[in-house]
Every structure is written in structure tokens, then in C-alpha cells.
Amino acid sequence: MKRLYAEVQGGNSKDEALRAAQLELLHSRSSSHPLYWAAFSLNGEWQ
């Protein structure tokens, strides 16, 4: 969640921020399993 909000504050759209946060977790050795990142999704007005 920290990465998601940092990306949004950095100027990325919400969908780009979520993707960046998920990719960071995916490439991490300790949290690459989908259990850690797959449950997060955008609802409502995501643009």
C-alpha cells in the first residue's frame, strides 16, 4: 500500500500505481507469491 500511494503522489494514475506496486511485490523474493499482491484491485472510478 505504501508503494501504491507513493506512485499516486508521484503523479501516476491509480491503475498505473497499482500495477507498479504489484510488480514490485512480484519481483521481490519474500513476497512474490500472488497471496501477497493478487487480492488488490481498483473499484469505482479508477481513472
N, C-alpha and C. Protein backbone atom coordinates (compact mmCIF):
# COMPACT_ATOMS: atom_id res chain seq x y z
N MET A 1 0.83 -1.19 0.00
CA MET A 1 0.00 0.00 0.00
C MET A 1 0.87 1.25 0.00
N LYS A 2 2.00 1.19 0.68
CA LYS A 2 2.89 2.36 0.68
C LYS A 2 3.36 2.69 -0.72
N ARG A 3 3.71 1.66 -1.47
CA ARG A 3 4.17 1.89 -2.85
C ARG A 3 3.05 2.44 -3.72
N LEU A 4 1.83 1.92 -3.54
CA LEU A 4 0.69 2.39 -4.30
C LEU A 4 0.49 3.89 -4.10
N TYR A 5 0.45 4.33 -2.86
CA TYR A 5 0.22 5.75 -2.57
C TYR A 5 1.40 6.61 -2.97
N ALA A 6 2.60 6.09 -2.88
CA ALA A 6 3.77 6.84 -3.33
C ALA A 6 3.71 7.07 -4.83
N GLU A 7 3.27 6.06 -5.57
CA GLU A 7 3.14 6.20 -7.01
C GLU A 7 2.07 7.22 -7.38
N VAL A 8 0.94 7.20 -6.66
CA VAL A 8 -0.13 8.17 -6.93
C VAL A 8 0.35 9.58 -6.61
N GLN A 9 1.04 9.74 -5.50
CA GLN A 9 1.56 11.06 -5.14
C GLN A 9 2.63 11.52 -6.12
N GLY A 10 3.30 10.58 -6.75
CA GLY A 10 4.32 10.90 -7.74
C GLY A 10 3.75 11.30 -9.09
N GLY A 11 2.43 11.22 -9.24
CA GLY A 11 1.81 11.67 -10.47
C GLY A 11 1.25 10.58 -11.36
N ASN A 12 1.44 9.32 -11.00
CA ASN A 12 0.89 8.23 -11.81
C ASN A 12 -0.61 8.10 -11.57
N SER A 13 -1.31 7.58 -12.56
CA SER A 13 -2.73 7.31 -12.39
C SER A 13 -2.88 6.14 -11.42
N LYS A 14 -4.09 5.94 -10.93
CA LYS A 14 -4.32 4.88 -9.94
C LYS A 14 -4.05 3.49 -10.51
N ASP A 15 -4.43 3.27 -11.76
CA ASP A 15 -4.18 1.95 -12.35
C ASP A 15 -2.70 1.71 -12.58
N GLU A 16 -1.96 2.73 -13.00
CA GLU A 16 -0.51 2.59 -13.17
C GLU A 16 0.17 2.38 -11.83
N ALA A 17 -0.31 3.07 -10.80
CA ALA A 17 0.27 2.93 -9.46
C ALA A 17 0.06 1.53 -8.91
N LEU A 18 -1.14 0.99 -9.10
CA LEU A 18 -1.41 -0.37 -8.63
C LEU A 18 -0.53 -1.37 -9.36
N ARG A 19 -0.38 -1.21 -10.66
CA ARG A 19 0.47 -2.11 -11.44
C ARG A 19 1.91 -2.06 -10.96
N ALA A 20 2.42 -0.86 -10.72
CA ALA A 20 3.80 -0.72 -10.25
C ALA A 20 3.99 -1.38 -8.89
N ALA A 21 3.02 -1.20 -8.00
CA ALA A 21 3.12 -1.81 -6.67
C ALA A 21 3.07 -3.33 -6.76
N GLN A 22 2.19 -3.86 -7.61
CA GLN A 22 2.10 -5.31 -7.77
C GLN A 22 3.37 -5.88 -8.39
N LEU A 23 3.92 -5.19 -9.37
CA LEU A 23 5.15 -5.67 -9.99
C LEU A 23 6.33 -5.67 -9.01
N GLU A 24 6.37 -4.67 -8.14
CA GLU A 24 7.44 -4.63 -7.14
C GLU A 24 7.34 -5.85 -6.22
N LEU A 25 6.13 -6.18 -5.79
CA LEU A 25 5.96 -7.36 -4.94
C LEU A 25 6.25 -8.65 -5.71
N LEU A 26 5.85 -8.70 -6.95
CA LEU A 26 6.07 -9.88 -7.78
C LEU A 26 7.55 -10.18 -7.93
N HIS A 27 8.36 -9.15 -8.03
CA HIS A 27 9.80 -9.33 -8.24
C HIS A 27 10.59 -9.42 -6.94
N SER A 28 9.91 -9.33 -5.81
CA SER A 28 10.57 -9.45 -4.51
C SER A 28 10.66 -10.93 -4.13
N ARG A 29 11.77 -11.32 -3.58
CA ARG A 29 11.93 -12.73 -3.18
C ARG A 29 10.98 -13.12 -2.06
N SER A 30 10.75 -12.22 -1.12
CA SER A 30 9.95 -12.58 0.06
C SER A 30 8.45 -12.46 -0.16
N SER A 31 8.02 -11.75 -1.19
CA SER A 31 6.57 -11.56 -1.38
C SER A 31 6.14 -11.74 -2.83
N SER A 32 6.77 -12.63 -3.54
CA SER A 32 6.43 -12.82 -4.95
C SER A 32 5.19 -13.69 -5.15
N HIS A 33 4.80 -14.44 -4.15
CA HIS A 33 3.62 -15.29 -4.27
C HIS A 33 2.38 -14.41 -4.43
N PRO A 34 1.45 -14.79 -5.30
CA PRO A 34 0.24 -13.99 -5.53
C PRO A 34 -0.58 -13.75 -4.26
N LEU A 35 -0.38 -14.54 -3.25
CA LEU A 35 -1.07 -14.34 -1.98
C LEU A 35 -0.86 -12.92 -1.46
N TYR A 36 0.29 -12.34 -1.74
CA TYR A 36 0.63 -11.02 -1.22
C TYR A 36 0.14 -9.87 -2.08
N TRP A 37 -0.11 -10.09 -3.37
CA TRP A 37 -0.42 -8.96 -4.22
C TRP A 37 -1.66 -9.11 -5.09
N ALA A 38 -2.15 -10.31 -5.30
CA ALA A 38 -3.23 -10.53 -6.26
C ALA A 38 -4.61 -10.05 -5.79
N ALA A 39 -4.80 -9.91 -4.51
CA ALA A 39 -6.12 -9.54 -3.99
C ALA A 39 -6.45 -8.06 -4.17
N PHE A 40 -5.47 -7.24 -4.45
CA PHE A 40 -5.71 -5.80 -4.57
C PHE A 40 -6.24 -5.47 -5.96
N SER A 41 -7.34 -4.74 -5.98
CA SER A 41 -7.93 -4.31 -7.25
C SER A 41 -8.57 -2.94 -7.06
N LEU A 42 -8.78 -2.27 -8.15
CA LEU A 42 -9.41 -0.95 -8.11
C LEU A 42 -10.91 -1.10 -8.34
N ASN A 43 -11.70 -0.39 -7.57
CA ASN A 43 -13.14 -0.40 -7.72
C ASN A 43 -13.64 1.02 -7.88
N GLY A 44 -14.76 1.17 -8.54
CA GLY A 44 -15.30 2.50 -8.71
C GLY A 44 -14.63 3.24 -9.84
N GLU A 45 -14.49 4.53 -9.68
CA GLU A 45 -13.88 5.37 -10.71
C GLU A 45 -12.37 5.30 -10.56
N TRP A 46 -11.73 4.48 -11.37
CA TRP A 46 -10.29 4.21 -11.23
C TRP A 46 -9.43 5.11 -12.09
N GLN A 47 -10.00 5.92 -12.94
CA GLN A 47 -9.19 6.78 -13.80
C GLN A 47 -9.09 8.17 -13.23
